Amino acid sequence: MGLGAEIKKLRIKRGESLQDVANAVKASKAHIWDIERGASKNPTMDLLSRLAAHFGVSIASLVGEEPPKGMQSELVALYRDLKDLSDSDRDTIRALAKRLSEKKKA
C-alpha cells in the first residue's frame, strides 16, 4: 500500500476529514488531498513525521517500509542493519539477493 492510500485508510479509520488532518499537521487540505491521491509523491520528512505522530504510527509504517509482523527476529535485525550500510554495500546485497532469488526459481 502506498503512502497516500495508507494516509487515507488511517484518516477514514479515525473518522477525520481532509481538513481535520491538515489542521492537525499544519498543512493545507489541498496538500493532504494531493498526497492521498498520489499527485504529491515527495512530502518532506517534517510532514511525514507530523503525519506519523498524528496517526500514532511510525514513519516506516506510514510509507510501507516496516518489516511484516511475524518476520523472524534475525531477519528483522538484518532489515534494521541495512540502513547503516553505504549505498554501494546495499547495492551489493540487493544484487546478491536477486541472484539467489533467481537461483531458487530455476
PDB file of N, CA and C in Angstrom:
ATOM      1  N   MET A   1       0.854  -1.177   0.000  1.00  0.00           N
ATOM      2  CA  MET A   1       0.000   0.000   0.000  1.00  0.00           C
ATOM      3  C   MET A   1       0.891   1.228   0.000  1.00  0.00           C
ATOM      4  N   GLY A   2       0.593   2.187  -0.820  1.00  0.00           N
ATOM      5  CA  GLY A   2       1.383   3.398  -0.918  1.00  0.00           C
ATOM      6  C   GLY A   2       1.062   4.387   0.194  1.00  0.00           C
ATOM      7  N   LEU A   3       1.866   5.424   0.260  1.00  0.00           N
ATOM      8  CA  LEU A   3       1.711   6.458   1.286  1.00  0.00           C
ATOM      9  C   LEU A   3       0.315   7.066   1.266  1.00  0.00           C
ATOM     10  N   GLY A   4      -0.140   7.480   0.099  1.00  0.00           N
ATOM     11  CA  GLY A   4      -1.451   8.126   0.002  1.00  0.00           C
ATOM     12  C   GLY A   4      -2.581   7.227   0.473  1.00  0.00           C
ATOM     13  N   ALA A   5      -2.540   5.967   0.048  1.00  0.00           N
ATOM     14  CA  ALA A   5      -3.587   5.021   0.448  1.00  0.00           C
ATOM     15  C   ALA A   5      -3.552   4.764   1.953  1.00  0.00           C
ATOM     16  N   GLU A   6      -2.337   4.716   2.509  1.00  0.00           N
ATOM     17  CA  GLU A   6      -2.200   4.495   3.954  1.00  0.00           C
ATOM     18  C   GLU A   6      -2.758   5.673   4.745  1.00  0.00           C
ATOM     19  N   ILE A   7      -2.450   6.886   4.292  1.00  0.00           N
ATOM     20  CA  ILE A   7      -2.976   8.076   4.977  1.00  0.00           C
ATOM     21  C   ILE A   7      -4.500   8.089   4.906  1.00  0.00           C
ATOM     22  N   LYS A   8      -5.036   7.813   3.736  1.00  0.00           N
ATOM     23  CA  LYS A   8      -6.491   7.803   3.581  1.00  0.00           C
ATOM     24  C   LYS A   8      -7.128   6.746   4.477  1.00  0.00           C
ATOM     25  N   LYS A   9      -6.525   5.553   4.528  1.00  0.00           N
ATOM     26  CA  LYS A   9      -7.045   4.481   5.382  1.00  0.00           C
ATOM     27  C   LYS A   9      -7.067   4.915   6.842  1.00  0.00           C
ATOM     28  N   LEU A  10      -5.948   5.492   7.302  1.00  0.00           N
ATOM     29  CA  LEU A  10      -5.869   5.935   8.699  1.00  0.00           C
ATOM     30  C   LEU A  10      -6.845   7.074   8.978  1.00  0.00           C
ATOM     31  N   ARG A  11      -6.958   7.995   8.033  1.00  0.00           N
ATOM     32  CA  ARG A  11      -7.867   9.137   8.205  1.00  0.00           C
ATOM     33  C   ARG A  11      -9.308   8.663   8.323  1.00  0.00           C
ATOM     34  N   ILE A  12      -9.708   7.781   7.440  1.00  0.00           N
ATOM     35  CA  ILE A  12     -11.091   7.269   7.454  1.00  0.00           C
ATOM     36  C   ILE A  12     -11.340   6.441   8.711  1.00  0.00           C
ATOM     37  N   LYS A  13     -10.357   5.631   9.093  1.00  0.00           N
ATOM     38  CA  LYS A  13     -10.485   4.813  10.310  1.00  0.00           C
ATOM     39  C   LYS A  13     -10.750   5.689  11.534  1.00  0.00           C
ATOM     40  N   ARG A  14     -10.140   6.876  11.551  1.00  0.00           N
ATOM     41  CA  ARG A  14     -10.328   7.794  12.678  1.00  0.00           C
ATOM     42  C   ARG A  14     -11.536   8.701  12.495  1.00  0.00           C
ATOM     43  N   GLY A  15     -12.193   8.601  11.347  1.00  0.00           N
ATOM     44  CA  GLY A  15     -13.360   9.438  11.086  1.00  0.00           C
ATOM     45  C   GLY A  15     -13.016  10.903  10.889  1.00  0.00           C
ATOM     46  N   GLU A  16     -11.852  11.169  10.332  1.00  0.00           N
ATOM     47  CA  GLU A  16     -11.411  12.544  10.144  1.00  0.00           C
ATOM     48  C   GLU A  16     -11.578  12.983   8.693  1.00  0.00           C
ATOM     49  N   SER A  17     -11.804  14.246   8.530  1.00  0.00           N
ATOM     50  CA  SER A  17     -11.866  14.828   7.188  1.00  0.00           C
ATOM     51  C   SER A  17     -10.456  15.211   6.753  1.00  0.00           C
ATOM     52  N   LEU A  18     -10.320  15.524   5.488  1.00  0.00           N
ATOM     53  CA  LEU A  18      -9.035  16.038   4.998  1.00  0.00           C
ATOM     54  C   LEU A  18      -8.634  17.285   5.782  1.00  0.00           C
ATOM     55  N   GLN A  19      -9.618  18.148   6.054  1.00  0.00           N
ATOM     56  CA  GLN A  19      -9.335  19.389   6.787  1.00  0.00           C
ATOM     57  C   GLN A  19      -8.880  19.090   8.209  1.00  0.00           C
ATOM     58  N   ASP A  20      -9.480  18.087   8.861  1.00  0.00           N
ATOM     59  CA  ASP A  20      -9.056  17.711  10.212  1.00  0.00           C
ATOM     60  C   ASP A  20      -7.577  17.329  10.238  1.00  0.00           C
ATOM     61  N   VAL A  21      -7.183  16.491   9.280  1.00  0.00           N
ATOM     62  CA  VAL A  21      -5.788  16.052   9.218  1.00  0.00           C
ATOM     63  C   VAL A  21      -4.878  17.236   8.890  1.00  0.00           C
ATOM     64  N   ALA A  22      -5.270  18.025   7.914  1.00  0.00           N
ATOM     65  CA  ALA A  22      -4.475  19.187   7.521  1.00  0.00           C
ATOM     66  C   ALA A  22      -4.247  20.123   8.710  1.00  0.00           C
ATOM     67  N   ASN A  23      -5.296  20.402   9.450  1.00  0.00           N
ATOM     68  CA  ASN A  23      -5.170  21.269  10.624  1.00  0.00           C
ATOM     69  C   ASN A  23      -4.235  20.662  11.666  1.00  0.00           C
ATOM     70  N   ALA A  24      -4.368  19.358  11.882  1.00  0.00           N
ATOM     71  CA  ALA A  24      -3.573  18.691  12.908  1.00  0.00           C
ATOM     72  C   ALA A  24      -2.082  18.685  12.575  1.00  0.00           C
ATOM     73  N   VAL A  25      -1.749  18.596  11.290  1.00  0.00           N
ATOM     74  CA  VAL A  25      -0.338  18.515  10.900  1.00  0.00           C
ATOM     75  C   VAL A  25       0.204  19.816  10.327  1.00  0.00           C
ATOM     76  N   LYS A  26      -0.618  20.860  10.399  1.00  0.00           N
ATOM     77  CA  LYS A  26      -0.237  22.195   9.918  1.00  0.00           C
ATOM     78  C   LYS A  26       0.169  22.171   8.441  1.00  0.00           C
ATOM     79  N   ALA A  27      -0.725  21.609   7.639  1.00  0.00           N
ATOM     80  CA  ALA A  27      -0.538  21.567   6.182  1.00  0.00           C
ATOM     81  C   ALA A  27      -1.843  22.013   5.542  1.00  0.00           C
ATOM     82  N   SER A  28      -1.815  22.235   4.255  1.00  0.00           N
ATOM     83  CA  SER A  28      -3.054  22.619   3.585  1.00  0.00           C
ATOM     84  C   SER A  28      -3.876  21.372   3.253  1.00  0.00           C
ATOM     85  N   LYS A  29      -5.178  21.570   3.205  1.00  0.00           N
ATOM     86  CA  LYS A  29      -6.085  20.493   2.824  1.00  0.00           C
ATOM     87  C   LYS A  29      -5.736  19.982   1.433  1.00  0.00           C
ATOM     88  N   ALA A  30      -5.403  20.912   0.532  1.00  0.00           N
ATOM     89  CA  ALA A  30      -5.056  20.536  -0.843  1.00  0.00           C
ATOM     90  C   ALA A  30      -3.811  19.648  -0.873  1.00  0.00           C
ATOM     91  N   HIS A  31      -2.846  19.952  -0.014  1.00  0.00           N
ATOM     92  CA  HIS A  31      -1.620  19.152   0.003  1.00  0.00           C
ATOM     93  C   HIS A  31      -1.898  17.735   0.507  1.00  0.00           C
ATOM     94  N   ILE A  32      -2.693  17.604   1.548  1.00  0.00           N
ATOM     95  CA  ILE A  32      -3.057  16.274   2.066  1.00  0.00           C
ATOM     96  C   ILE A  32      -3.823  15.510   0.994  1.00  0.00           C
ATOM     97  N   TRP A  33      -4.743  16.179   0.307  1.00  0.00           N
ATOM     98  CA  TRP A  33      -5.506  15.562  -0.774  1.00  0.00           C
ATOM     99  C   TRP A  33      -4.558  15.105  -1.885  1.00  0.00           C
ATOM    100  N   ASP A  34      -3.594  15.939  -2.246  1.00  0.00           N
ATOM    101  CA  ASP A  34      -2.625  15.566  -3.284  1.00  0.00           C
ATOM    102  C   ASP A  34      -1.818  14.332  -2.878  1.00  0.00           C
ATOM    103  N   ILE A  35      -1.431  14.257  -1.625  1.00  0.00           N
ATOM    104  CA  ILE A  35      -0.685  13.085  -1.145  1.00  0.00           C
ATOM    105  C   ILE A  35      -1.575  11.844  -1.224  1.00  0.00           C
ATOM    106  N   GLU A  36      -2.802  11.962  -0.755  1.00  0.00           N
ATOM    107  CA  GLU A  36      -3.724  10.817  -0.763  1.00  0.00           C
ATOM    108  C   GLU A  36      -3.954  10.259  -2.161  1.00  0.00           C
ATOM    109  N   ARG A  37      -4.080  11.144  -3.140  1.00  0.00           N
ATOM    110  CA  ARG A  37      -4.380  10.664  -4.490  1.00  0.00           C
ATOM    111  C   ARG A  37      -3.131  10.413  -5.319  1.00  0.00           C
ATOM    112  N   GLY A  38      -1.951  10.582  -4.721  1.00  0.00           N
ATOM    113  CA  GLY A  38      -0.700  10.275  -5.388  1.00  0.00           C
ATOM    114  C   GLY A  38      -0.143  11.366  -6.268  1.00  0.00           C
ATOM    115  N   ALA A  39      -0.737  12.555  -6.220  1.00  0.00           N
ATOM    116  CA  ALA A  39      -0.246  13.675  -7.029  1.00  0.00           C
ATOM    117  C   ALA A  39       1.006  14.294  -6.417  1.00  0.00           C
ATOM    118  N   SER A  40       1.166  14.175  -5.120  1.00  0.00           N
ATOM    119  CA  SER A  40       2.365  14.652  -4.421  1.00  0.00           C
ATOM    120  C   SER A  40       3.045  13.429  -3.831  1.00  0.00           C
ATOM    121  N   LYS A  41       4.165  13.052  -4.409  1.00  0.00           N
ATOM    122  CA  LYS A  41       4.817  11.808  -4.003  1.00  0.00           C
ATOM    123  C   LYS A  41       6.053  12.012  -3.138  1.00  0.00           C
ATOM    124  N   ASN A  42       6.376  13.238  -2.846  1.00  0.00           N
ATOM    125  CA  ASN A  42       7.597  13.514  -2.104  1.00  0.00           C
ATOM    126  C   ASN A  42       7.380  14.481  -0.950  1.00  0.00           C
ATOM    127  N   PRO A  43       6.559  14.139   0.026  1.00  0.00           N
ATOM    128  CA  PRO A  43       6.383  15.055   1.158  1.00  0.00           C
ATOM    129  C   PRO A  43       7.680  15.150   1.966  1.00  0.00           C
ATOM    130  N   THR A  44       7.859  16.240   2.647  1.00  0.00           N
ATOM    131  CA  THR A  44       9.067  16.431   3.453  1.00  0.00           C
ATOM    132  C   THR A  44       9.070  15.458   4.635  1.00  0.00           C
ATOM    133  N   MET A  45      10.277  15.213   5.158  1.00  0.00           N
ATOM    134  CA  MET A  45      10.396  14.371   6.354  1.00  0.00           C
ATOM    135  C   MET A  45       9.651  15.004   7.520  1.00  0.00           C
ATOM    136  N   ASP A  46       9.652  16.310   7.577  1.00  0.00           N
ATOM    137  CA  ASP A  46       8.932  17.011   8.642  1.00  0.00           C
ATOM    138  C   ASP A  46       7.441  16.695   8.573  1.00  0.00           C
ATOM    139  N   LEU A  47       6.875  16.771   7.375  1.00  0.00           N
ATOM    140  CA  LEU A  47       5.450  16.468   7.228  1.00  0.00           C
ATOM    141  C   LEU A  47       5.183  14.997   7.510  1.00  0.00           C
ATOM    142  N   LEU A  48       6.052  14.103   7.037  1.00  0.00           N
ATOM    143  CA  LEU A  48       5.882  12.674   7.334  1.00  0.00           C
ATOM    144  C   LEU A  48       5.913  12.428   8.835  1.00  0.00           C
ATOM    145  N   SER A  49       6.808  13.119   9.532  1.00  0.00           N
ATOM    146  CA  SER A  49       6.891  12.996  10.997  1.00  0.00           C
ATOM    147  C   SER A  49       5.606  13.438  11.662  1.00  0.00           C
ATOM    148  N   ARG A  50       5.079  14.575  11.215  1.00  0.00           N
ATOM    149  CA  ARG A  50       3.837  15.087  11.811  1.00  0.00           C
ATOM    150  C   ARG A  50       2.668  14.160  11.508  1.00  0.00           C
ATOM    151  N   LEU A  51       2.603  13.623  10.282  1.00  0.00           N
ATOM    152  CA  LEU A  51       1.529  12.685   9.934  1.00  0.00           C
ATOM    153  C   LEU A  51       1.630  11.416  10.766  1.00  0.00           C
ATOM    154  N   ALA A  52       2.841  10.874  10.882  1.00  0.00           N
ATOM    155  CA  ALA A  52       3.033   9.653  11.670  1.00  0.00           C
ATOM    156  C   ALA A  52       2.636   9.886  13.123  1.00  0.00           C
ATOM    157  N   ALA A  53       3.055  11.010  13.695  1.00  0.00           N
ATOM    158  CA  ALA A  53       2.706  11.327  15.085  1.00  0.00           C
ATOM    159  C   ALA A  53       1.193  11.494  15.231  1.00  0.00           C
ATOM    160  N   HIS A  54       0.579  12.169  14.282  1.00  0.00           N
ATOM    161  CA  HIS A  54      -0.865  12.387  14.340  1.00  0.00           C
ATOM    162  C   HIS A  54      -1.625  11.068  14.346  1.00  0.00           C
ATOM    163  N   PHE A  55      -1.189  10.126  13.504  1.00  0.00           N
ATOM    164  CA  PHE A  55      -1.896   8.845  13.407  1.00  0.00           C
ATOM    165  C   PHE A  55      -1.382   7.797  14.386  1.00  0.00           C
ATOM    166  N   GLY A  56      -0.315   8.136  15.124  1.00  0.00           N
ATOM    167  CA  GLY A  56       0.225   7.202  16.114  1.00  0.00           C
ATOM    168  C   GLY A  56       0.896   5.984  15.498  1.00  0.00           C
ATOM    169  N   VAL A  57       1.587   6.202  14.381  1.00  0.00           N
ATOM    170  CA  VAL A  57       2.296   5.116  13.711  1.00  0.00           C
ATOM    171  C   VAL A  57       3.736   5.571  13.441  1.00  0.00           C
ATOM    172  N   SER A  58       4.577   4.646  13.047  1.00  0.00           N
ATOM    173  CA  SER A  58       5.947   5.008  12.685  1.00  0.00           C
ATOM    174  C   SER A  58       5.976   5.532  11.250  1.00  0.00           C
ATOM    175  N   ILE A  59       7.010   6.283  10.932  1.00  0.00           N
ATOM    176  CA  ILE A  59       7.173   6.741   9.554  1.00  0.00           C
ATOM    177  C   ILE A  59       7.339   5.532   8.639  1.00  0.00           C
ATOM    178  N   ALA A  60       8.097   4.530   9.080  1.00  0.00           N
ATOM    179  CA  ALA A  60       8.296   3.319   8.268  1.00  0.00           C
ATOM    180  C   ALA A  60       6.972   2.656   7.944  1.00  0.00           C
ATOM    181  N   SER A  61       6.094   2.596   8.924  1.00  0.00           N
ATOM    182  CA  SER A  61       4.774   2.015   8.694  1.00  0.00           C
ATOM    183  C   SER A  61       3.966   2.870   7.722  1.00  0.00           C
ATOM    184  N   LEU A  62       4.044   4.166   7.894  1.00  0.00           N
ATOM    185  CA  LEU A  62       3.294   5.097   7.049  1.00  0.00           C
ATOM    186  C   LEU A  62       3.699   4.981   5.580  1.00  0.00           C
ATOM    187  N   VAL A  63       4.985   4.794   5.327  1.00  0.00           N
ATOM    188  CA  VAL A  63       5.459   4.718   3.941  1.00  0.00           C
ATOM    189  C   VAL A  63       5.588   3.274   3.441  1.00  0.00           C
ATOM    190  N   GLY A  64       5.137   2.317   4.251  1.00  0.00           N
ATOM    191  CA  GLY A  64       5.126   0.923   3.808  1.00  0.00           C
ATOM    192  C   GLY A  64       6.477   0.244   3.811  1.00  0.00           C
ATOM    193  N   GLU A  65       7.349   0.647   4.741  1.00  0.00           N
ATOM    194  CA  GLU A  65       8.674   0.041   4.777  1.00  0.00           C
ATOM    195  C   GLU A  65       8.986  -0.640   6.101  1.00  0.00           C
ATOM    196  N   GLU A  66       7.964  -0.948   6.859  1.00  0.00           N
ATOM    197  CA  GLU A  66       8.187  -1.662   8.099  1.00  0.00           C
ATOM    198  C   GLU A  66       8.149  -3.156   7.810  1.00  0.00           C
ATOM    199  N   PRO A  67       9.054  -3.922   8.421  1.00  0.00           N
ATOM    200  CA  PRO A  67       9.027  -5.365   8.172  1.00  0.00           C
ATOM    201  C   PRO A  67       7.670  -5.946   8.573  1.00  0.00           C
ATOM    202  N   PRO A  68       7.196  -6.930   7.834  1.00  0.00           N
ATOM    203  CA  PRO A  68       5.899  -7.528   8.155  1.00  0.00           C
ATOM    204  C   PRO A  68       5.895  -8.148   9.548  1.00  0.00           C
ATOM    205  N   LYS A  69       4.747  -8.122  10.198  1.00  0.00           N
ATOM    206  CA  LYS A  69       4.597  -8.756  11.510  1.00  0.00           C
ATOM    207  C   LYS A  69       4.836 -10.251  11.342  1.00  0.00           C
ATOM    208  N   GLY A  70       5.486 -10.851  12.317  1.00  0.00           N
ATOM    209  CA  GLY A  70       5.762 -12.275  12.264  1.00  0.00           C
ATOM    210  C   GLY A  70       7.068 -12.615  11.567  1.00  0.00           C
ATOM    211  N   MET A  71       7.773 -11.606  11.067  1.00  0.00           N
ATOM    212  CA  MET A  71       9.056 -11.873  10.415  1.00  0.00           C
ATOM    213  C   MET A  71      10.029 -12.369  11.480  1.00  0.00           C
ATOM    214  N   GLN A  72      10.825 -13.350  11.137  1.00  0.00           N
ATOM    215  CA  GLN A  72      11.782 -13.908  12.084  1.00  0.00           C
ATOM    216  C   GLN A  72      12.688 -12.810  12.638  1.00  0.00           C
ATOM    217  N   SER A  73      13.018 -12.907  13.912  1.00  0.00           N
ATOM    218  CA  SER A  73      13.767 -11.839  14.581  1.00  0.00           C
ATOM    219  C   SER A  73      15.111 -11.558  13.917  1.00  0.00           C
ATOM    220  N   GLU A  74      15.814 -12.591  13.430  1.00  0.00           N
ATOM    221  CA  GLU A  74      17.109 -12.322  12.798  1.00  0.00           C
ATOM    222  C   GLU A  74      16.938 -11.584  11.476  1.00  0.00           C
ATOM    223  N   LEU A  75      15.810 -11.794  10.790  1.00  0.00           N
ATOM    224  CA  LEU A  75      15.544 -11.052   9.563  1.00  0.00           C
ATOM    225  C   LEU A  75      15.194  -9.598   9.871  1.00  0.00           C
ATOM    226  N   VAL A  76      14.488  -9.372  10.962  1.00  0.00           N
ATOM    227  CA  VAL A  76      14.177  -8.004  11.371  1.00  0.00           C
ATOM    228  C   VAL A  76      15.470  -7.264  11.716  1.00  0.00           C
ATOM    229  N   ALA A  77      16.375  -7.942  12.417  1.00  0.00           N
ATOM    230  CA  ALA A  77      17.658  -7.321  12.765  1.00  0.00           C
ATOM    231  C   ALA A  77      18.448  -6.996  11.498  1.00  0.00           C
ATOM    232  N   LEU A  78      18.454  -7.901  10.525  1.00  0.00           N
ATOM    233  CA  LEU A  78      19.139  -7.651   9.261  1.00  0.00           C
ATOM    234  C   LEU A  78      18.521  -6.456   8.547  1.00  0.00           C
ATOM    235  N   TYR A  79      17.193  -6.408   8.532  1.00  0.00           N
ATOM    236  CA  TYR A  79      16.471  -5.312   7.899  1.00  0.00           C
ATOM    237  C   TYR A  79      16.891  -3.975   8.521  1.00  0.00           C
ATOM    238  N   ARG A  80      16.981  -3.933   9.830  1.00  0.00           N
ATOM    239  CA  ARG A  80      17.359  -2.683  10.514  1.00  0.00           C
ATOM    240  C   ARG A  80      18.825  -2.329  10.287  1.00  0.00           C
ATOM    241  N   ASP A  81      19.693  -3.342  10.179  1.00  0.00           N
ATOM    242  CA  ASP A  81      21.118  -3.088   9.969  1.00  0.00           C
ATOM    243  C   ASP A  81      21.406  -2.514   8.586  1.00  0.00           C
ATOM    244  N   LEU A  82      20.550  -2.788   7.618  1.00  0.00           N
ATOM    245  CA  LEU A  82      20.791  -2.321   6.256  1.00  0.00           C
ATOM    246  C   LEU A  82      20.876  -0.795   6.176  1.00  0.00           C
ATOM    247  N   LYS A  83      20.175  -0.105   7.051  1.00  0.00           N
ATOM    248  CA  LYS A  83      20.166   1.358   6.988  1.00  0.00           C
ATOM    249  C   LYS A  83      21.532   1.957   7.299  1.00  0.00           C
ATOM    250  N   ASP A  84      22.397   1.194   7.983  1.00  0.00           N
ATOM    251  CA  ASP A  84      23.724   1.694   8.335  1.00  0.00           C
ATOM    252  C   ASP A  84      24.764   1.444   7.252  1.00  0.00           C
ATOM    253  N   LEU A  85      24.387   0.721   6.209  1.00  0.00           N
ATOM    254  CA  LEU A  85      25.331   0.400   5.146  1.00  0.00           C
ATOM    255  C   LEU A  85      25.416   1.520   4.115  1.00  0.00           C
ATOM    256  N   SER A  86      26.520   1.538   3.395  1.00  0.00           N
ATOM    257  CA  SER A  86      26.674   2.505   2.315  1.00  0.00           C
ATOM    258  C   SER A  86      25.758   2.105   1.152  1.00  0.00           C
ATOM    259  N   ASP A  87      25.516   3.047   0.267  1.00  0.00           N
ATOM    260  CA  ASP A  87      24.705   2.754  -0.919  1.00  0.00           C
ATOM    261  C   ASP A  87      25.321   1.621  -1.724  1.00  0.00           C
ATOM    262  N   SER A  88      26.613   1.636  -1.847  1.00  0.00           N
ATOM    263  CA  SER A  88      27.327   0.605  -2.603  1.00  0.00           C
ATOM    264  C   SER A  88      27.127  -0.772  -1.967  1.00  0.00           C
ATOM    265  N   ASP A  89      27.238  -0.835  -0.652  1.00  0.00           N
ATOM    266  CA  ASP A  89      27.047  -2.118   0.045  1.00  0.00           C
ATOM    267  C   ASP A  89      25.608  -2.611  -0.096  1.00  0.00           C
ATOM    268  N   ARG A  90      24.651  -1.689  -0.015  1.00  0.00           N
ATOM    269  CA  ARG A  90      23.245  -2.092  -0.196  1.00  0.00           C
ATOM    270  C   ARG A  90      23.005  -2.596  -1.612  1.00  0.00           C
ATOM    271  N   ASP A  91      23.660  -1.960  -2.600  1.00  0.00           N
ATOM    272  CA  ASP A  91      23.549  -2.424  -3.984  1.00  0.00           C
ATOM    273  C   ASP A  91      24.105  -3.836  -4.126  1.00  0.00           C
ATOM    274  N   THR A  92      25.210  -4.112  -3.452  1.00  0.00           N
ATOM    275  CA  THR A  92      25.812  -5.447  -3.486  1.00  0.00           C
ATOM    276  C   THR A  92      24.861  -6.479  -2.894  1.00  0.00           C
ATOM    277  N   ILE A  93      24.272  -6.147  -1.762  1.00  0.00           N
ATOM    278  CA  ILE A  93      23.330  -7.071  -1.118  1.00  0.00           C
ATOM    279  C   ILE A  93      22.099  -7.263  -1.991  1.00  0.00           C
ATOM    280  N   ARG A  94      21.615  -6.188  -2.590  1.00  0.00           N
ATOM    281  CA  ARG A  94      20.455  -6.272  -3.478  1.00  0.00           C
ATOM    282  C   ARG A  94      20.747  -7.207  -4.658  1.00  0.00           C
ATOM    283  N   ALA A  95      21.934  -7.069  -5.258  1.00  0.00           N
ATOM    284  CA  ALA A  95      22.321  -7.918  -6.387  1.00  0.00           C
ATOM    285  C   ALA A  95      22.437  -9.377  -5.956  1.00  0.00           C
ATOM    286  N   LEU A  96      23.013  -9.603  -4.782  1.00  0.00           N
ATOM    287  CA  LEU A  96      23.135 -10.962  -4.262  1.00  0.00           C
ATOM    288  C   LEU A  96      21.758 -11.572  -4.002  1.00  0.00           C
ATOM    289  N   ALA A  97      20.868 -10.800  -3.391  1.00  0.00           N
ATOM    290  CA  ALA A  97      19.516 -11.295  -3.114  1.00  0.00           C
ATOM    291  C   ALA A  97      18.789 -11.622  -4.413  1.00  0.00           C
ATOM    292  N   LYS A  98      18.966 -10.778  -5.413  1.00  0.00           N
ATOM    293  CA  LYS A  98      18.325 -11.021  -6.722  1.00  0.00           C
ATOM    294  C   LYS A  98      18.854 -12.315  -7.335  1.00  0.00           C
ATOM    295  N   ARG A  99      20.169 -12.504  -7.268  1.00  0.00           N
ATOM    296  CA  ARG A  99      20.767 -13.715  -7.832  1.00  0.00           C
ATOM    297  C   ARG A  99      20.291 -14.958  -7.096  1.00  0.00           C
ATOM    298  N   LEU A 100      20.239 -14.900  -5.775  1.00  0.00           N
ATOM    299  CA  LEU A 100      19.755 -16.044  -5.004  1.00  0.00           C
ATOM    300  C   LEU A 100      18.282 -16.342  -5.306  1.00  0.00           C
ATOM    301  N   SER A 101      17.486 -15.297  -5.459  1.00  0.00           N
ATOM    302  CA  SER A 101      16.069 -15.481  -5.780  1.00  0.00           C
ATOM    303  C   SER A 101      15.906 -16.134  -7.160  1.00  0.00           C
ATOM    304  N   GLU A 102      16.713 -15.688  -8.132  1.00  0.00           N
ATOM    305  CA  GLU A 102      16.662 -16.282  -9.473  1.00  0.00           C
ATOM    306  C   GLU A 102      17.115 -17.732  -9.437  1.00  0.00           C
ATOM    307  N   LYS A 103      18.133 -18.015  -8.625  1.00  0.00           N
ATOM    308  CA  LYS A 103      18.648 -19.387  -8.483  1.00  0.00           C
ATOM    309  C   LYS A 103      17.563 -20.297  -7.895  1.00  0.00           C
ATOM    310  N   LYS A 104      16.829 -19.775  -6.929  1.00  0.00           N
ATOM    311  CA  LYS A 104      15.780 -20.561  -6.283  1.00  0.00           C
ATOM    312  C   LYS A 104      14.650 -20.880  -7.277  1.00  0.00           C
ATOM    313  N   LYS A 105      14.331 -19.922  -8.141  1.00  0.00           N
ATOM    314  CA  LYS A 105      13.254 -20.115  -9.134  1.00  0.00           C
ATOM    315  C   LYS A 105      13.634 -21.139 -10.193  1.00  0.00           C
ATOM    316  N   ALA A 106      14.954 -21.267 -10.462  1.00  0.00           N
ATOM    317  CA  ALA A 106      15.421 -22.169 -11.532  1.00  0.00           C
ATOM    318  C   ALA A 106      15.388 -23.629 -11.142  1.00  0.00           C
TER     319      ALA A 106
END
